[in-house]
Protein backbone atom coordinates (compact mmCIF):
# COMPACT_ATOMS: atom_id res chain seq x y z
CA MET A 1 6.01 62.57 90.84
CA THR A 2 2.59 62.32 89.18
CA LEU A 3 1.06 58.86 89.26
CA LEU A 4 -1.95 58.13 87.10
CA ASN A 5 -3.65 54.81 86.55
CA ARG A 6 -4.09 54.08 82.85
CA GLN A 7 -7.11 51.88 82.25
CA LEU A 8 -8.58 50.13 79.22
CA TYR A 9 -12.34 50.15 79.66
CA LEU A 10 -15.30 48.76 77.72
CA GLU A 11 -16.96 51.59 75.79
CA SER A 12 -19.32 49.43 73.71
CA ARG A 13 -20.17 45.77 73.06
CA PRO A 14 -17.99 44.46 70.22
CA GLU A 15 -19.25 42.79 67.09
CA GLY A 16 -16.46 40.48 66.04
CA VAL A 17 -12.91 41.09 67.23
CA PRO A 18 -12.86 44.06 69.66
CA ASN A 19 -11.36 47.28 68.34
CA GLU A 20 -10.47 50.75 69.62
CA LYS A 21 -14.13 51.83 69.34
CA ASN A 22 -15.10 49.14 71.82
CA VAL A 23 -12.15 49.38 74.19
CA ARG A 24 -10.72 52.80 75.02
CA MET A 25 -8.00 54.12 77.31
CA ARG A 26 -8.38 56.66 80.10
CA SER A 27 -6.15 57.92 82.90
CA VAL A 28 -7.53 58.31 86.41
CA SER A 29 -6.09 59.10 89.81
CA LEU A 30 -5.25 56.16 92.05
CA SER A 31 -7.81 54.70 94.41
CA ARG A 32 -6.51 53.71 97.82
CA PRO A 33 -7.52 50.44 99.48
CA GLY A 34 -10.30 50.21 101.98
CA PRO A 35 -10.57 47.55 104.70
CA GLY A 36 -9.73 44.11 103.29
CA GLN A 37 -8.47 45.52 99.99
CA VAL A 38 -5.07 45.48 98.31
CA LEU A 39 -3.62 47.90 95.74
CA LEU A 40 -1.53 46.12 93.10
CA GLN A 41 0.87 47.41 90.51
CA ASN A 42 0.25 45.07 87.58
CA LEU A 43 3.34 43.59 85.96
CA TYR A 44 1.78 41.17 83.44
CA LEU A 45 -1.72 40.86 81.97
CA SER A 46 -3.07 37.53 80.75
CA MET A 47 -4.63 37.51 77.27
CA ASP A 48 -7.38 34.87 77.35
CA PRO A 49 -10.13 34.09 74.81
CA ALA A 50 -12.71 34.02 77.63
CA ILE A 51 -12.34 37.79 78.01
CA ARG A 52 -14.07 38.20 74.64
CA GLY A 53 -17.09 36.39 76.04
CA TRP A 54 -17.20 38.67 79.08
CA MET A 55 -17.31 41.69 76.76
CA SER A 56 -20.68 40.55 75.40
CA ASP A 57 -23.90 40.35 77.36
CA LYS A 58 -24.35 36.63 76.76
CA PRO A 59 -24.85 34.36 79.80
CA SER A 60 -21.59 32.86 81.02
CA TYR A 61 -19.92 31.48 84.14
CA MET A 62 -18.97 35.08 84.99
CA PRO A 63 -21.11 38.22 84.66
CA PRO A 64 -20.57 40.45 81.63
CA ILE A 65 -18.20 43.40 81.92
CA ALA A 66 -20.42 46.44 82.38
CA LEU A 67 -20.04 49.31 79.93
CA GLY A 68 -17.62 51.81 81.38
CA GLU A 69 -15.84 49.20 83.49
CA VAL A 70 -12.19 48.22 83.16
CA VAL A 71 -11.76 45.08 81.04
CA ARG A 72 -11.56 42.16 83.45
CA SER A 73 -8.43 40.02 83.33
CA SER A 74 -6.11 37.79 85.29
CA THR A 75 -2.95 39.66 86.22
CA LEU A 76 0.31 39.15 88.05
CA GLY A 77 1.36 42.10 90.19
CA ARG A 78 3.03 43.29 93.33
CA VAL A 79 1.40 44.78 96.38
CA VAL A 80 2.08 48.52 96.79
CA GLU A 81 -0.43 49.17 99.58
CA SER A 82 -2.49 46.78 101.69
CA ARG A 83 -5.29 46.88 104.21
CA HIS A 84 -5.59 43.10 104.32
CA PRO A 85 -3.70 41.22 107.06
CA ASP A 86 -2.47 38.47 104.72
CA PHE A 87 -0.73 40.78 102.24
CA GLN A 88 2.31 42.98 102.73
CA ILE A 89 3.94 45.59 100.52
CA GLY A 90 6.19 43.85 97.99
CA ASP A 91 4.24 40.56 97.90
CA ILE A 92 3.85 39.05 94.43
CA VAL A 93 0.27 37.94 93.78
CA VAL A 94 -2.01 36.64 91.04
CA GLY A 95 -5.65 37.59 90.66
CA LEU A 96 -7.59 35.01 88.65
CA ALA A 97 -10.07 37.05 86.57
CA ALA A 98 -10.12 39.49 89.48
CA ASN A 99 -8.15 42.47 88.15
CA GLY A 100 -8.10 44.39 84.88
CA TRP A 101 -6.30 45.89 81.92
CA GLU A 102 -4.74 48.75 83.88
CA ASP A 103 -1.53 49.86 85.60
CA PHE A 104 -2.95 49.42 89.11
CA SER A 105 -5.80 47.23 90.37
CA LEU A 106 -7.71 47.60 93.62
CA THR A 107 -8.77 44.11 94.66
CA ALA A 108 -10.32 42.31 97.63
CA GLY A 109 -7.66 40.22 99.34
CA GLU A 110 -9.68 37.01 99.18
CA GLN A 111 -9.54 37.16 95.38
CA LEU A 112 -5.73 37.07 95.33
CA ASP A 113 -3.19 34.28 95.70
CA HIS A 114 0.38 34.63 96.91
CA ILE A 115 3.19 33.58 94.61
CA GLN A 116 6.41 32.10 95.94
CA PRO A 117 8.56 32.13 92.80
CA TYR A 118 11.24 29.54 92.20
CA SER A 119 14.48 31.29 91.28
CA ARG A 120 14.98 28.83 88.38
CA PHE A 121 11.81 30.01 86.58
CA PRO A 122 10.90 33.45 85.15
CA LEU A 123 8.29 35.40 87.09
CA SER A 124 6.06 35.44 84.00
CA HIS A 125 5.62 31.66 84.34
CA TYR A 126 3.27 32.31 87.26
CA LEU A 127 0.75 33.89 84.89
CA SER A 128 1.29 31.24 82.23
CA VAL A 129 2.38 27.66 82.76
CA PHE A 130 1.97 27.78 86.57
CA SER A 131 -1.31 29.69 86.43
CA ALA A 132 -4.88 28.64 85.70
CA VAL A 133 -3.93 28.71 82.00
CA GLY A 134 -1.27 26.03 82.40
CA LEU A 135 -3.28 24.07 84.93
CA THR A 136 -6.30 23.92 82.63
CA PRO A 137 -4.66 21.34 80.31
CA TYR A 138 -3.09 19.59 83.31
CA PHE A 139 -6.43 18.79 84.95
CA GLY A 140 -8.33 18.63 81.65
CA VAL A 141 -6.07 15.92 80.25
CA LEU A 142 -5.45 13.92 83.41
CA ASP A 143 -8.74 14.16 85.31
CA ILE A 144 -11.22 14.45 82.44
CA GLY A 145 -9.43 12.99 79.43
CA LYS A 146 -8.06 10.09 81.49
CA PRO A 147 -5.37 9.13 78.96
CA LYS A 148 -4.18 5.55 78.71
CA GLN A 149 -0.97 4.17 77.25
CA GLY A 150 -1.26 3.72 73.49
CA GLU A 151 -4.43 5.78 73.02
CA THR A 152 -4.77 8.60 70.47
CA MET A 153 -5.50 12.13 71.62
CA LEU A 154 -6.49 14.88 69.17
CA VAL A 155 -6.04 18.50 70.29
CA SER A 156 -7.42 21.59 68.56
CA ALA A 157 -5.67 24.98 68.76
CA ALA A 158 -2.61 22.87 69.49
CA ALA A 159 -0.14 25.77 69.25
CA GLY A 160 -2.00 27.90 71.78
CA ALA A 161 -1.35 28.28 75.49
CA VAL A 162 -3.63 25.39 76.48
CA GLY A 163 -3.31 23.14 73.44
CA SER A 164 0.49 23.25 73.36
CA LEU A 165 0.57 21.81 76.87
CA ALA A 166 -2.34 19.40 76.49
CA GLY A 167 -0.59 17.38 73.78
CA GLN A 168 2.68 17.22 75.71
CA ILE A 169 0.95 16.04 78.89
CA ALA A 170 -0.88 13.34 76.93
CA LYS A 171 2.46 12.35 75.37
CA ILE A 172 4.04 12.06 78.82
CA LYS A 173 1.23 9.63 79.69
CA GLY A 174 2.00 7.48 76.65
CA CYS A 175 -0.55 8.68 74.10
CA ARG A 176 -0.15 9.17 70.37
CA THR A 177 -0.84 12.89 69.89
CA VAL A 178 -2.22 14.76 66.88
CA GLY A 179 -2.58 18.54 66.84
CA LEU A 180 -4.80 20.80 64.76
CA VAL A 181 -3.27 24.20 63.93
CA GLY A 182 -3.73 26.99 61.39
CA SER A 183 -0.41 27.19 59.56
CA ASP A 184 2.37 24.99 58.20
CA GLU A 185 4.87 26.84 60.42
CA LYS A 186 2.85 25.88 63.50
CA CYS A 187 2.65 22.30 62.22
CA ARG A 188 6.43 22.15 62.19
CA TRP A 189 6.71 23.77 65.61
CA ILE A 190 4.39 21.42 67.50
CA VAL A 191 5.97 18.33 65.94
CA GLU A 192 9.65 19.30 65.94
CA GLU A 193 9.77 21.17 69.26
CA LEU A 194 6.76 20.09 71.31
CA GLY A 195 6.86 16.42 70.35
CA TYR A 196 3.43 15.96 68.80
CA ASP A 197 3.37 12.84 66.64
CA TYR A 198 1.49 14.54 63.82
CA ALA A 199 0.06 17.95 62.96
CA ILE A 200 -2.81 18.93 60.65
CA ASN A 201 -3.22 22.38 59.11
CA TYR A 202 -7.00 22.58 59.23
CA LYS A 203 -7.02 25.69 57.03
CA THR A 204 -5.59 23.83 54.05
CA SER A 205 -7.56 20.62 54.51
CA GLU A 206 -10.37 20.30 51.98
CA ASN A 207 -12.17 17.70 54.08
CA LEU A 208 -11.06 17.85 57.71
CA ALA A 209 -12.96 14.75 58.83
CA LYS A 210 -11.30 12.74 56.07
CA THR A 211 -7.86 14.16 56.88
CA ILE A 212 -8.25 13.25 60.54
CA ALA A 213 -9.32 9.73 59.55
CA GLU A 214 -6.19 9.33 57.44
CA VAL A 215 -3.91 10.53 60.23
CA CYS A 216 -5.77 8.57 62.92
CA PRO A 217 -6.56 5.23 61.24
CA ASN A 218 -7.35 3.65 64.62
CA GLY A 219 -9.72 6.45 65.59
CA ILE A 220 -9.59 9.02 68.39
CA ASP A 221 -9.92 7.99 72.01
CA CYS A 222 -9.84 11.51 73.47
CA TYR A 223 -10.46 14.89 71.83
CA PHE A 224 -9.31 18.01 73.70
CA ASP A 225 -11.56 20.70 72.24
CA ASN A 226 -10.51 24.36 72.38
CA VAL A 227 -12.41 25.42 69.25
CA GLY A 228 -15.89 23.95 68.79
CA GLY A 229 -17.74 24.54 65.52
CA GLU A 230 -16.78 22.69 62.35
CA VAL A 231 -13.60 21.31 63.91
CA LEU A 232 -15.63 19.60 66.62
CA ASP A 233 -17.93 18.19 63.94
CA ALA A 234 -14.97 16.64 62.12
CA ALA A 235 -13.57 15.18 65.33
CA LEU A 236 -16.88 13.59 66.35
CA LEU A 237 -16.94 11.56 63.12
CA ASN A 238 -13.62 9.99 64.09
CA MET A 239 -14.18 9.16 67.74
CA ASN A 240 -13.91 5.61 69.01
CA ASN A 241 -16.71 4.06 71.01
CA PHE A 242 -16.66 5.22 74.64
CA GLY A 243 -14.27 8.05 73.74
CA ARG A 244 -13.98 11.24 75.78
CA VAL A 245 -14.40 14.84 74.61
CA VAL A 246 -12.76 17.37 76.93
CA PHE A 247 -14.67 20.60 76.24
CA CYS A 248 -12.32 23.42 77.19
CA GLY A 249 -13.25 26.26 74.82
CA ALA A 250 -15.12 27.36 71.69
CA ILE A 251 -12.98 30.11 70.23
CA ALA A 252 -14.53 29.57 66.78
CA GLN A 253 -17.72 31.28 67.95
CA TYR A 254 -16.55 33.82 70.55
CA ASN A 255 -16.79 36.64 67.99
CA THR A 256 -20.12 35.50 66.54
CA GLU A 257 -23.06 37.66 67.57
CA GLN A 258 -25.77 35.76 65.67
CA PRO A 259 -27.04 32.34 66.79
CA VAL A 260 -25.04 29.48 65.30
CA PRO A 261 -26.26 25.90 64.74
CA GLY A 262 -25.12 23.25 67.13
CA PRO A 263 -22.67 20.58 66.00
CA PHE A 264 -24.15 18.92 62.93
CA ASN A 265 -22.69 15.60 64.04
CA TYR A 266 -23.88 15.92 67.65
CA TRP A 267 -25.72 12.61 67.28
CA GLN A 268 -22.35 10.83 67.18
CA ILE A 269 -22.21 11.31 70.95
CA LEU A 270 -25.10 8.88 71.19
CA ALA A 271 -24.01 6.58 68.37
CA ARG A 272 -20.52 6.11 69.83
CA SER A 273 -21.42 6.28 73.57
CA LEU A 274 -19.14 9.28 74.07
CA THR A 275 -18.57 11.22 77.26
CA VAL A 276 -18.49 15.01 76.84
CA ARG A 277 -17.37 17.02 79.85
CA GLY A 278 -17.03 20.77 80.04
CA PHE A 279 -14.93 22.37 82.76
CA ILE A 280 -13.15 25.51 83.92
CA SER A 281 -9.94 25.40 85.92
CA PRO A 282 -11.22 27.03 89.16
CA GLU A 283 -13.08 23.82 90.01
CA PHE A 284 -9.63 22.32 90.67
CA LYS A 285 -8.28 25.36 92.55
CA ASP A 286 -7.67 23.45 95.77
CA ARG A 287 -5.28 21.18 93.81
CA PHE A 288 -3.31 23.89 91.98
CA GLY A 289 -0.29 23.27 94.21
CA GLU A 290 -0.20 19.62 93.13
CA GLY A 291 -0.29 20.59 89.46
CA ILE A 292 2.41 23.25 89.80
CA GLU A 293 4.72 20.81 91.56
CA GLU A 294 4.42 18.11 88.91
CA MET A 295 4.62 20.49 85.96
CA SER A 296 7.69 22.22 87.39
CA THR A 297 9.37 18.81 87.56
CA TRP A 298 8.47 18.08 83.92
CA ILE A 299 9.85 21.46 82.83
CA ALA A 300 13.07 20.98 84.80
CA ASP A 301 13.47 17.51 83.25
CA GLY A 302 12.95 18.85 79.75
CA ARG A 303 9.80 16.80 79.20
CA LEU A 304 7.53 19.85 79.01
CA ILE A 305 8.28 22.85 76.80
CA PHE A 306 6.31 26.05 77.11
CA ALA A 307 6.32 29.15 74.92
CA GLU A 308 5.46 32.63 76.12
CA ASP A 309 4.47 35.31 73.62
CA ILE A 310 4.98 38.59 75.49
CA VAL A 311 3.93 41.98 74.11
CA GLU A 312 5.29 45.05 75.91
CA GLY A 313 3.22 48.06 76.86
CA LEU A 314 -0.31 48.52 78.18
CA GLU A 315 -1.06 50.67 75.12
CA ASN A 316 -0.53 47.58 72.92
CA THR A 317 -2.97 45.37 74.85
CA LEU A 318 -5.86 45.51 72.38
CA ASP A 319 -3.62 44.67 69.43
CA ALA A 320 -2.13 41.79 71.40
CA PHE A 321 -5.59 40.50 72.33
CA SER A 322 -6.71 40.45 68.69
CA ARG A 323 -3.90 38.00 67.90
CA LEU A 324 -5.78 35.31 69.81
CA PHE A 325 -8.40 35.28 67.06
CA THR A 326 -6.10 35.46 64.05
CA GLY A 327 -3.83 32.64 65.16
CA ALA A 328 -0.80 34.93 65.18
CA ASN A 329 0.33 33.95 68.66
CA ARG A 330 2.37 30.95 69.71
CA GLY A 331 1.99 29.67 73.25
CA LYS A 332 0.76 31.86 76.10
CA LEU A 333 0.04 35.46 75.08
CA MET A 334 0.66 38.13 77.72
CA VAL A 335 1.22 41.86 77.98
CA LYS A 336 4.13 43.11 80.06
CA VAL A 337 2.95 46.32 81.70
CA ARG A 338 6.04 47.01 83.78
CA ASP A 339 9.44 45.42 84.28
CA PRO A 340 9.53 43.73 87.70
CA SER A 341 13.06 45.10 88.25
CA GLU A 342 11.82 48.69 88.15
CA PRO A 343 11.12 50.21 91.58
CA ALA A 344 7.55 50.32 92.83
CA PRO A 345 5.96 53.61 93.89
CA THR A 346 6.29 54.53 97.53
CA ILE A 347 3.40 55.00 99.91
CA GLU A 348 4.09 58.74 99.88
CA GLU A 349 3.83 58.84 96.09
CA ILE A 350 0.61 56.82 96.17
CA ARG A 351 -0.91 59.14 98.78
CA ALA A 352 0.00 62.18 96.72
CA ALA A 353 -1.44 60.65 93.55
CA ALA A 354 -4.68 59.68 95.25
CA ARG A 355 -5.29 63.31 96.17
CA GLU A 356 -5.04 64.45 92.57
CA PRO A 357 -8.20 64.96 90.46
CA THR A 358 -9.23 62.42 87.90
CA HIS A 359 -7.99 62.97 84.34
CA VAL A 360 -9.94 61.36 81.52
């Protein structure tokens, strides 16, 4: 049996949405783990807007992906060889922004977390609703948004992986929820299935600030921002005094290479005594267990609905990733690299593959 590791690597810095000139595929022989390392067979890849930022050389909370390197990603996989005492062959693990768009990832053990799947939930949930993606809205809404009964929460990108959960969590806490999405079909989905009180198609609104004011006559107490840009500007004009802005993402400018002006209505933060707090989920990592436990209860009770948009095949990863920026996805977007029910390679097969020359 010939085992090769297919990898999608960064050939050049993208301008706009990455394409096949920026991200290319190669096949290389397997690398075997050294002391403290683990070799994973990736089962699912997480498609996250933040990856686009890592492809550029702009300063961020993580270093840029170097040219020639595999595209960095969070993945869910199984251990096929280990030289770390805490990981055994067959263990299911998640690497939070520690692995890559490839069949196999060689990773330091301290960058991985064990998964103990509940039989009642699909394995894919542990890279979606029970991962950093699902826990981002959990801690963003509860710890930073601090929702109160009867308040109004506005959520942008409300049909996405984070936004679809943020509104439901706020609803569980007694808020009136309004979602901003990019199509009438998504408007229907977040209201009829996810339980949002109202949805706004920002693409068809001629004056978004005015539309928000009409839908939120009592103002906005908390804005969960996944977008930034003009949408943030419109939201700021409708915030109540002492409101909170949960700054989770700025997908509107991830593909912009030229400097963009700051929010035109930034001064509203002063005028309305607003609190704006940016965050990333790893700051709550020591409480992930708490979040998973409560969210699993909400899902089992039917109070929390979560959609997974799964594309099959590593070769389709770049096309899947581009859907994040066109609004074509619904819920958490992932790529299924391999069916978990398929047998993993044996140690003998891995050893044989590692002796083969690299093929590019």
